Amino acid sequence: MDKIEPKHLTGISETALWTLWNRGSEALRPDRTVDDPLAVELIEHIDYPYRQRFGVASQVVSMRAHAFDSVVRTFLESHPKATVVALGEGLQTSYWRLGRPAATWITVDLAPIVALREQLLPGEQHIIKFAGSAFDRSWMNLVPSESSPIIVAEGLFMYFDETTVYKLISDCARQFPGGTLVFDAAPDWFARMKVKTVGARRDVLTKERYIAPPIQSGISAKDAAALATHIDGVASSQAVRMPPGRGLQGWLLRAIYQGRLIPARWRMPLYVLRFKSTTGDR
C-alpha cells in the first residue's frame, strides 16, 4: 500500500493522528499498556511527521483506551449483539482490539476521517459509517429501533462547551432509554491551561510543531458524578478505573483520574452513565 498524506486533516480531526501516534508508539513497547498492532500499521501507512509534530509519545492515551475497552468489553459480554456507537472515533481501532465483535458498530466522525478509515482499515460487515458531526443527531437514526446501545465518546467532549455536551447527553438519554454512555472530559483547570502546542522542543519555533485545538469544556470528576441529578434521563453515573500505568508517570496519570488525595473538582473525569429505562430505573 502506498503511503497516504493526510493533508485534509485539520483542527479537531488532526487529533486523530495525535492519539494514533501515542497508541502505536505504546504498542511497540514490551511493557505496553495496550495491545494495538493495527495502530502500528496505520502509522506506517500514513505519511506524517509524527515525532516532529507531536514529540515523544505518552502512555496516557493507551491507558485511556484500555479503560474504555474494558467498559465496552464488559457491556458486550452481556449484550453480544448490541449496538456500539463510537462518537468522534477518529483512527481508533477499538473494534479490532475487542476481537471483531458481532455487535453492530456505528463509527461517527467527520467526512475526512471516515474517508481515511475506509482507505486504511479492513472492511467489516458489522461496521456502519456515518460521515458527520457527533453533535448532528442524524446518526441516531442508524441505531436499530428498540435498541439500548452503548455510546462511546473517547477524547471528544473536552473540545466542546458544557452546554453542548450536556444537551447531547440529554438527547441520548431521551432517544435511547436503558442505554449507556462512557465518556471522558477535562476539568476547569485543564481548560484554563490553554495548552497550544506539543512536539519536540527543538521544533518549538517551526511550523512543524503541532497546535492543539483549545479545550472548551470544564467538566470535572465531581461534575460527572452529579450528572444523574442534573440531567433528566440519566439514572446513574459511575467512575471508570484507569489501568495501572508504567513508572512514576503512570502513577501520576492514574492519580489525576482517581487519586483519593486529589479533590474530585480537580480530577479528570472518565465515567459511565446509565440511562433510565422506559419501565423505570434499572
Protein backbone atom coordinates (compact mmCIF):
# COMPACT_ATOMS: atom_id res chain seq x y z
CA MET A 1 0.00 0.00 0.00
CA ASP A 2 1.28 3.46 -0.90
CA LYS A 3 1.58 5.91 1.95
CA ILE A 4 -1.26 8.38 2.35
CA GLU A 5 -0.70 12.06 3.11
CA PRO A 6 -3.46 13.32 5.44
CA LYS A 7 -3.25 16.95 4.34
CA HIS A 8 -7.01 17.31 4.64
CA LEU A 9 -6.96 16.72 8.41
CA THR A 10 -7.03 19.95 10.39
CA GLY A 11 -8.35 21.20 13.71
CA ILE A 12 -10.00 18.58 15.90
CA SER A 13 -9.72 15.98 13.11
CA GLU A 14 -5.92 16.16 13.33
CA THR A 15 -6.06 14.98 16.93
CA ALA A 16 -6.82 11.54 15.44
CA LEU A 17 -3.19 11.42 14.33
CA TRP A 18 -2.02 12.61 17.75
CA THR A 19 -3.81 9.81 19.60
CA LEU A 20 -2.79 7.29 16.92
CA TRP A 21 0.86 8.22 17.43
CA ASN A 22 0.56 7.70 21.16
CA ARG A 23 -1.20 4.34 20.87
CA GLY A 24 1.02 2.99 18.11
CA SER A 25 4.22 4.02 19.89
CA GLU A 26 3.00 2.44 23.10
CA ALA A 27 2.03 -0.77 21.29
CA LEU A 28 5.65 -1.25 20.20
CA ARG A 29 6.91 -1.36 23.79
CA PRO A 30 7.44 -4.74 25.51
CA ASP A 31 5.84 -3.24 28.64
CA ARG A 32 2.91 -1.71 26.73
CA THR A 33 -0.33 -0.81 28.44
CA VAL A 34 -2.50 -1.90 25.49
CA ASP A 35 -2.10 -4.24 22.51
CA ASP A 36 -2.79 -2.30 19.33
CA PRO A 37 -0.97 -3.83 16.34
CA LEU A 38 -3.34 -2.19 13.89
CA ALA A 39 -2.33 1.25 15.20
CA VAL A 40 1.28 0.38 14.38
CA GLU A 41 0.26 -0.48 10.82
CA LEU A 42 -1.70 2.74 10.42
CA ILE A 43 1.28 4.83 11.48
CA GLU A 44 3.39 3.10 8.84
CA HIS A 45 0.81 3.75 6.10
CA ILE A 46 0.23 7.44 6.84
CA ASP A 47 2.92 9.82 5.62
CA TYR A 48 3.12 12.25 8.52
CA PRO A 49 5.96 13.75 10.63
CA TYR A 50 4.66 12.31 13.90
CA ARG A 51 7.72 12.86 16.05
CA GLN A 52 8.36 16.37 14.76
CA ARG A 53 4.75 17.36 15.26
CA PHE A 54 3.90 15.51 18.46
CA GLY A 55 7.21 14.78 20.16
CA VAL A 56 7.68 11.81 22.48
CA ALA A 57 4.56 9.67 22.87
CA SER A 58 2.72 9.47 26.19
CA GLN A 59 1.20 6.37 27.74
CA VAL A 60 -1.93 8.21 28.91
CA VAL A 61 -3.78 7.72 25.60
CA SER A 62 -3.23 3.96 25.75
CA MET A 63 -4.21 3.85 29.41
CA ARG A 64 -7.41 5.66 28.50
CA ALA A 65 -8.04 3.33 25.54
CA HIS A 66 -7.59 0.34 27.85
CA ALA A 67 -10.17 1.78 30.26
CA PHE A 68 -12.72 2.43 27.50
CA ASP A 69 -12.13 -1.03 26.02
CA SER A 70 -12.81 -2.61 29.42
CA VAL A 71 -16.18 -0.89 29.69
CA VAL A 72 -17.26 -1.86 26.16
CA ARG A 73 -15.97 -5.42 26.58
CA THR A 74 -17.95 -5.89 29.79
CA PHE A 75 -21.07 -4.49 28.11
CA LEU A 76 -20.71 -6.82 25.11
CA GLU A 77 -20.22 -9.86 27.33
CA SER A 78 -23.80 -9.33 28.48
CA HIS A 79 -25.12 -7.95 25.17
CA PRO A 80 -23.03 -9.61 22.43
CA LYS A 81 -25.23 -8.42 19.56
CA ALA A 82 -25.93 -4.95 20.87
CA THR A 83 -25.09 -1.68 19.13
CA VAL A 84 -21.92 0.29 19.84
CA VAL A 85 -21.84 3.93 18.73
CA ALA A 86 -18.33 5.41 18.62
CA LEU A 87 -18.65 9.21 18.53
CA GLY A 88 -15.72 11.09 17.05
CA GLU A 89 -13.94 7.78 16.62
CA GLY A 90 -11.00 9.19 14.69
CA LEU A 91 -8.47 6.49 13.89
CA GLN A 92 -9.35 4.36 16.88
CA THR A 93 -9.04 0.61 16.40
CA SER A 94 -11.28 -0.44 19.28
CA TYR A 95 -13.39 -2.81 17.16
CA TRP A 96 -10.32 -4.92 16.35
CA ARG A 97 -8.79 -4.68 19.82
CA LEU A 98 -12.06 -6.14 21.12
CA GLY A 99 -11.79 -9.11 18.77
CA ARG A 100 -14.16 -8.00 15.99
CA PRO A 101 -17.39 -8.49 17.98
CA ALA A 102 -20.71 -9.44 16.37
CA ALA A 103 -22.25 -6.20 17.61
CA THR A 104 -23.39 -3.50 15.21
CA TRP A 105 -20.63 -0.89 15.34
CA ILE A 106 -21.51 2.64 14.23
CA THR A 107 -18.49 4.86 13.68
CA VAL A 108 -19.29 8.58 13.69
CA ASP A 109 -16.81 11.19 12.51
CA LEU A 110 -16.31 13.97 10.00
CA ALA A 111 -16.05 13.06 6.32
CA PRO A 112 -12.22 13.36 6.03
CA ILE A 113 -11.73 10.91 8.90
CA VAL A 114 -14.33 8.46 7.58
CA ALA A 115 -12.65 8.55 4.16
CA LEU A 116 -9.28 7.83 5.76
CA ARG A 117 -10.74 4.93 7.74
CA GLU A 118 -12.17 3.48 4.53
CA GLN A 119 -8.76 3.68 2.87
CA LEU A 120 -6.75 2.20 5.72
CA LEU A 121 -8.86 -0.09 7.86
CA PRO A 122 -10.25 -3.52 6.97
CA GLY A 123 -13.82 -3.65 5.70
CA GLU A 124 -16.18 -5.23 8.22
CA GLN A 125 -19.80 -6.24 7.73
CA HIS A 126 -20.74 -5.14 11.24
CA ILE A 127 -19.37 -1.60 10.90
CA ILE A 128 -21.65 1.22 9.74
CA LYS A 129 -20.08 4.60 8.94
CA PHE A 130 -21.67 7.99 9.48
CA ALA A 131 -19.78 10.93 7.95
CA GLY A 132 -20.82 13.88 10.05
CA SER A 133 -20.52 15.57 13.41
CA ALA A 134 -21.16 13.65 16.60
CA PHE A 135 -23.46 16.55 17.51
CA ASP A 136 -25.56 16.06 14.37
CA ARG A 137 -28.35 13.90 15.77
CA SER A 138 -28.84 12.23 12.37
CA TRP A 139 -26.55 9.38 13.42
CA MET A 140 -29.22 8.35 15.92
CA ASN A 141 -31.36 7.15 13.01
CA LEU A 142 -28.80 4.42 12.31
CA VAL A 143 -29.30 2.80 15.71
CA PRO A 144 -31.81 -0.08 15.43
CA SER A 145 -35.19 0.72 16.94
CA GLU A 146 -35.78 -0.55 20.48
CA SER A 147 -32.00 -0.79 20.90
CA SER A 148 -30.25 0.25 24.10
CA PRO A 149 -26.77 0.94 22.73
CA ILE A 150 -23.52 1.76 24.42
CA ILE A 151 -22.26 5.13 23.21
CA VAL A 152 -18.53 5.83 23.40
CA ALA A 153 -17.17 9.38 23.48
CA GLU A 154 -13.42 9.00 23.93
CA GLY A 155 -11.33 12.15 23.73
CA LEU A 156 -14.25 14.15 22.33
CA PHE A 157 -16.22 16.17 24.87
CA MET A 158 -13.28 18.26 26.05
CA TYR A 159 -13.29 20.13 22.73
CA PHE A 160 -16.86 21.36 23.16
CA ASP A 161 -18.51 23.58 25.75
CA GLU A 162 -20.50 22.13 28.63
CA THR A 163 -23.89 23.27 27.32
CA THR A 164 -23.33 21.47 24.02
CA VAL A 165 -22.09 18.32 25.75
CA TYR A 166 -24.88 18.19 28.31
CA LYS A 167 -27.52 18.72 25.63
CA LEU A 168 -26.15 15.77 23.65
CA ILE A 169 -26.16 13.58 26.76
CA SER A 170 -29.75 14.59 27.47
CA ASP A 171 -30.81 13.83 23.90
CA CYS A 172 -29.09 10.43 24.01
CA ALA A 173 -30.83 9.56 27.27
CA ARG A 174 -34.20 10.50 25.79
CA GLN A 175 -33.58 8.70 22.49
CA PHE A 176 -32.06 5.52 23.95
CA PRO A 177 -33.76 4.59 27.24
CA GLY A 178 -31.83 1.87 29.03
CA GLY A 179 -28.69 2.76 27.09
CA THR A 180 -25.17 3.50 28.27
CA LEU A 181 -22.67 6.29 27.63
CA VAL A 182 -18.98 6.17 28.52
CA PHE A 183 -17.02 9.40 28.19
CA ASP A 184 -14.10 11.46 29.38
CA ALA A 185 -13.65 15.22 29.55
CA ALA A 186 -11.44 17.84 31.18
CA PRO A 187 -11.90 19.96 34.33
CA ASP A 188 -11.68 23.74 34.52
CA TRP A 189 -8.01 23.89 35.49
CA PHE A 190 -7.03 21.87 32.42
CA ALA A 191 -9.08 24.09 30.15
CA ARG A 192 -7.52 27.19 31.70
CA MET A 193 -4.02 25.90 30.95
CA LYS A 194 -4.72 26.70 27.29
CA VAL A 195 -2.25 24.12 26.00
CA LYS A 196 -1.46 25.28 22.49
CA THR A 197 1.43 23.20 21.24
CA VAL A 198 3.09 19.85 21.65
CA GLY A 199 6.05 18.32 19.89
CA ALA A 200 9.81 18.18 20.05
CA ARG A 201 11.35 21.17 21.84
CA ARG A 202 13.74 21.86 19.03
CA ASP A 203 10.73 22.47 16.80
CA VAL A 204 9.08 25.00 19.10
CA LEU A 205 9.58 27.85 16.64
CA THR A 206 8.98 25.89 13.46
CA LYS A 207 5.82 25.22 11.53
CA GLU A 208 6.23 21.51 12.28
CA ARG A 209 5.14 21.89 15.89
CA TYR A 210 1.53 20.82 16.38
CA ILE A 211 -1.00 23.40 17.52
CA ALA A 212 -3.68 21.62 19.53
CA PRO A 213 -7.32 22.75 19.38
CA PRO A 214 -8.43 24.63 22.51
CA ILE A 215 -10.06 22.78 25.38
CA GLN A 216 -13.59 24.12 25.68
CA SER A 217 -15.24 22.16 28.46
CA GLY A 218 -14.82 22.46 32.18
CA ILE A 219 -16.26 19.14 33.35
CA SER A 220 -14.57 17.62 36.41
CA ALA A 221 -15.00 14.23 38.06
CA LYS A 222 -17.23 15.99 40.60
CA ASP A 223 -19.43 17.33 37.79
CA ALA A 224 -19.59 13.95 36.06
CA ALA A 225 -20.56 12.17 39.28
CA ALA A 226 -23.53 14.52 39.69
CA LEU A 227 -24.99 14.14 36.20
CA ALA A 228 -27.70 11.75 37.40
CA THR A 229 -29.15 14.59 39.45
CA HIS A 230 -28.67 17.29 36.82
CA ILE A 231 -29.73 15.63 33.56
CA ASP A 232 -33.18 14.14 33.25
CA GLY A 233 -32.95 10.62 31.85
CA VAL A 234 -29.61 9.73 33.47
CA ALA A 235 -30.16 7.04 36.11
CA SER A 236 -26.62 6.67 37.42
CA SER A 237 -23.06 7.87 36.97
CA GLN A 238 -20.08 5.72 37.88
CA ALA A 239 -16.34 6.36 37.63
CA VAL A 240 -14.25 4.04 35.46
CA ARG A 241 -10.96 2.85 36.91
CA MET A 242 -7.87 3.61 34.91
CA PRO A 243 -5.45 0.69 34.49
CA PRO A 244 -2.06 0.85 36.21
CA GLY A 245 0.43 2.87 34.24
CA ARG A 246 4.17 2.47 33.92
CA GLY A 247 6.54 4.00 36.43
CA LEU A 248 6.09 7.32 38.21
CA GLN A 249 4.46 8.92 35.17
CA GLY A 250 1.88 6.17 35.02
CA TRP A 251 1.15 6.53 38.73
CA LEU A 252 0.67 10.29 38.38
CA LEU A 253 -1.54 9.94 35.32
CA ARG A 254 -3.75 7.44 37.10
CA ALA A 255 -3.94 9.69 40.15
CA ILE A 256 -5.22 12.59 38.03
CA TYR A 257 -8.24 10.42 37.22
CA GLN A 258 -8.87 8.65 40.51
CA GLY A 259 -6.38 9.70 43.19
CA ARG A 260 -8.21 9.94 46.51
CA LEU A 261 -5.92 12.72 47.70
CA ILE A 262 -6.95 14.89 44.75
CA PRO A 263 -10.30 16.68 45.19
CA ALA A 264 -12.96 15.50 42.74
CA ARG A 265 -13.32 19.00 41.32
CA TRP A 266 -9.71 18.75 40.07
CA ARG A 267 -9.77 15.18 38.78
CA MET A 268 -10.12 14.24 35.12
CA PRO A 269 -13.48 12.51 34.57
CA LEU A 270 -13.86 9.10 32.95
CA TYR A 271 -17.41 7.95 33.66
CA VAL A 272 -20.16 5.54 32.64
CA LEU A 273 -23.69 6.89 32.55
CA ARG A 274 -26.69 4.56 32.61
CA PHE A 275 -29.86 5.96 31.09
CA LYS A 276 -33.26 5.46 32.67
CA SER A 277 -35.37 2.78 31.03
CA THR A 278 -38.97 3.21 29.92
CA THR A 279 -40.06 0.88 32.73
CA GLY A 280 -38.16 2.77 35.42
CA ASP A 281 -34.57 2.85 36.68
CA ARG A 282 -32.61 -0.36 36.50
